[in-house]
Amino acid sequence: MNAVQKIFVSILPKSQAKDMEDESRKWMLTCSSCGHKVSVWDLGGIRWKACGTPKKMKRCAECGNINWMTVIKEK
């Protein structure tokens, strides 16, 4: 957990902090080259009460390519 996540977890009630983490773990960044998926939470981010399908330019931990990764909420 990074510093920003720790701040939010410490100031929110436990039920909301758990909801925030659970929802952030459902948002997955998918590499357009190899299909590798990683959650927003595992990357140190928070995506809570969000909508839409943004794209992020990142280096894939699996294939090493820098490319656009789609952020999609999985069920």
C-alpha atoms as a PDB file:
ATOM      1  CA  MET A   1       0.000   0.000   0.000  1.00  0.00           C
ATOM      2  CA  ASN A   2       1.445   3.370  -0.975  1.00  0.00           C
ATOM      3  CA  ALA A   3       1.229   6.644   0.987  1.00  0.00           C
ATOM      4  CA  VAL A   4      -1.951   7.931  -0.702  1.00  0.00           C
ATOM      5  CA  GLN A   5      -3.752   4.643  -0.142  1.00  0.00           C
ATOM      6  CA  LYS A   6      -2.651   4.632   3.524  1.00  0.00           C
ATOM      7  CA  ILE A   7      -4.002   8.165   4.031  1.00  0.00           C
ATOM      8  CA  PHE A   8      -7.414   7.292   2.600  1.00  0.00           C
ATOM      9  CA  VAL A   9      -7.604   4.011   4.528  1.00  0.00           C
ATOM     10  CA  SER A  10      -6.720   5.792   7.780  1.00  0.00           C
ATOM     11  CA  ILE A  11      -9.284   8.613   7.445  1.00  0.00           C
ATOM     12  CA  LEU A  12     -12.244   6.645   6.074  1.00  0.00           C
ATOM     13  CA  PRO A  13     -14.466   4.423   8.194  1.00  0.00           C
ATOM     14  CA  LYS A  14     -13.395   0.771   7.912  1.00  0.00           C
ATOM     15  CA  SER A  15     -16.417  -0.219   5.821  1.00  0.00           C
ATOM     16  CA  GLN A  16     -15.759   2.536   3.266  1.00  0.00           C
ATOM     17  CA  ALA A  17     -12.013   1.818   3.194  1.00  0.00           C
ATOM     18  CA  LYS A  18     -12.769  -1.851   2.482  1.00  0.00           C
ATOM     19  CA  ASP A  19     -15.259  -0.872  -0.241  1.00  0.00           C
ATOM     20  CA  MET A  20     -12.666   1.474  -1.786  1.00  0.00           C
ATOM     21  CA  GLU A  21     -10.000  -1.243  -1.862  1.00  0.00           C
ATOM     22  CA  ASP A  22     -12.391  -3.904  -3.170  1.00  0.00           C
ATOM     23  CA  GLU A  23     -13.630  -1.677  -5.991  1.00  0.00           C
ATOM     24  CA  SER A  24     -10.114  -0.507  -6.878  1.00  0.00           C
ATOM     25  CA  ARG A  25      -9.049  -4.155  -7.175  1.00  0.00           C
ATOM     26  CA  LYS A  26     -11.841  -4.741  -9.736  1.00  0.00           C
ATOM     27  CA  TRP A  27     -10.479  -2.037 -12.065  1.00  0.00           C
ATOM     28  CA  MET A  28      -7.885  -3.759 -14.239  1.00  0.00           C
ATOM     29  CA  LEU A  29      -5.270  -2.294 -16.572  1.00  0.00           C
ATOM     30  CA  THR A  30      -4.848  -4.573 -19.585  1.00  0.00           C
ATOM     31  CA  CYS A  31      -1.745  -4.479 -21.797  1.00  0.00           C
ATOM     32  CA  SER A  32      -2.670  -4.077 -25.458  1.00  0.00           C
ATOM     33  CA  SER A  33       0.432  -6.044 -26.520  1.00  0.00           C
ATOM     34  CA  CYS A  34       0.315  -9.194 -24.396  1.00  0.00           C
ATOM     35  CA  GLY A  35      -3.016  -9.024 -22.508  1.00  0.00           C
ATOM     36  CA  HIS A  36      -1.387  -8.981 -19.043  1.00  0.00           C
ATOM     37  CA  LYS A  37      -3.764  -7.590 -16.388  1.00  0.00           C
ATOM     38  CA  VAL A  38      -3.021  -5.815 -13.117  1.00  0.00           C
ATOM     39  CA  SER A  39      -5.409  -4.047 -10.733  1.00  0.00           C
ATOM     40  CA  VAL A  40      -5.359  -0.320 -10.115  1.00  0.00           C
ATOM     41  CA  TRP A  41      -4.955  -1.028  -6.380  1.00  0.00           C
ATOM     42  CA  ASP A  42      -1.899  -3.214  -6.934  1.00  0.00           C
ATOM     43  CA  LEU A  43      -0.314  -0.374  -8.929  1.00  0.00           C
ATOM     44  CA  GLY A  44      -0.825   1.973  -5.959  1.00  0.00           C
ATOM     45  CA  GLY A  45      -3.902   3.707  -7.310  1.00  0.00           C
ATOM     46  CA  ILE A  46      -7.461   4.269  -6.180  1.00  0.00           C
ATOM     47  CA  ARG A  47     -10.454   4.043  -8.487  1.00  0.00           C
ATOM     48  CA  TRP A  48     -13.584   4.252  -6.350  1.00  0.00           C
ATOM     49  CA  LYS A  49     -17.091   5.272  -7.419  1.00  0.00           C
ATOM     50  CA  ALA A  50     -15.706   5.764 -10.932  1.00  0.00           C
ATOM     51  CA  CYS A  51     -17.076   5.121 -14.387  1.00  0.00           C
ATOM     52  CA  GLY A  52     -15.777   5.114 -17.936  1.00  0.00           C
ATOM     53  CA  THR A  53     -12.912   3.279 -19.585  1.00  0.00           C
ATOM     54  CA  PRO A  54      -9.827   5.487 -19.564  1.00  0.00           C
ATOM     55  CA  LYS A  55      -6.474   4.560 -21.057  1.00  0.00           C
ATOM     56  CA  LYS A  56      -3.094   4.953 -19.390  1.00  0.00           C
ATOM     57  CA  MET A  57       0.365   4.935 -20.989  1.00  0.00           C
ATOM     58  CA  LYS A  58       2.426   2.499 -18.896  1.00  0.00           C
ATOM     59  CA  ARG A  59       5.215  -0.054 -19.175  1.00  0.00           C
ATOM     60  CA  CYS A  60       3.877  -3.588 -18.951  1.00  0.00           C
ATOM     61  CA  ALA A  61       5.495  -5.621 -16.181  1.00  0.00           C
ATOM     62  CA  GLU A  62       5.042  -8.797 -18.241  1.00  0.00           C
ATOM     63  CA  CYS A  63       6.276  -7.921 -21.751  1.00  0.00           C
ATOM     64  CA  GLY A  64       8.174  -4.687 -20.993  1.00  0.00           C
ATOM     65  CA  ASN A  65       6.493  -2.705 -23.784  1.00  0.00           C
ATOM     66  CA  ILE A  66       5.355   0.855 -23.175  1.00  0.00           C
ATOM     67  CA  ASN A  67       1.850   1.194 -24.591  1.00  0.00           C
ATOM     68  CA  TRP A  68      -1.700   2.254 -23.906  1.00  0.00           C
ATOM     69  CA  MET A  69      -3.433   0.138 -21.302  1.00  0.00           C
ATOM     70  CA  THR A  70      -7.211   0.098 -21.110  1.00  0.00           C
ATOM     71  CA  VAL A  71      -8.759   0.393 -17.645  1.00  0.00           C
ATOM     72  CA  ILE A  72     -11.851  -1.788 -17.375  1.00  0.00           C
ATOM     73  CA  LYS A  73     -13.925  -2.766 -14.334  1.00  0.00           C
ATOM     74  CA  GLU A  74     -14.278  -6.521 -14.041  1.00  0.00           C
ATOM     75  CA  LYS A  75     -17.107  -8.176 -12.159  1.00  0.00           C
END
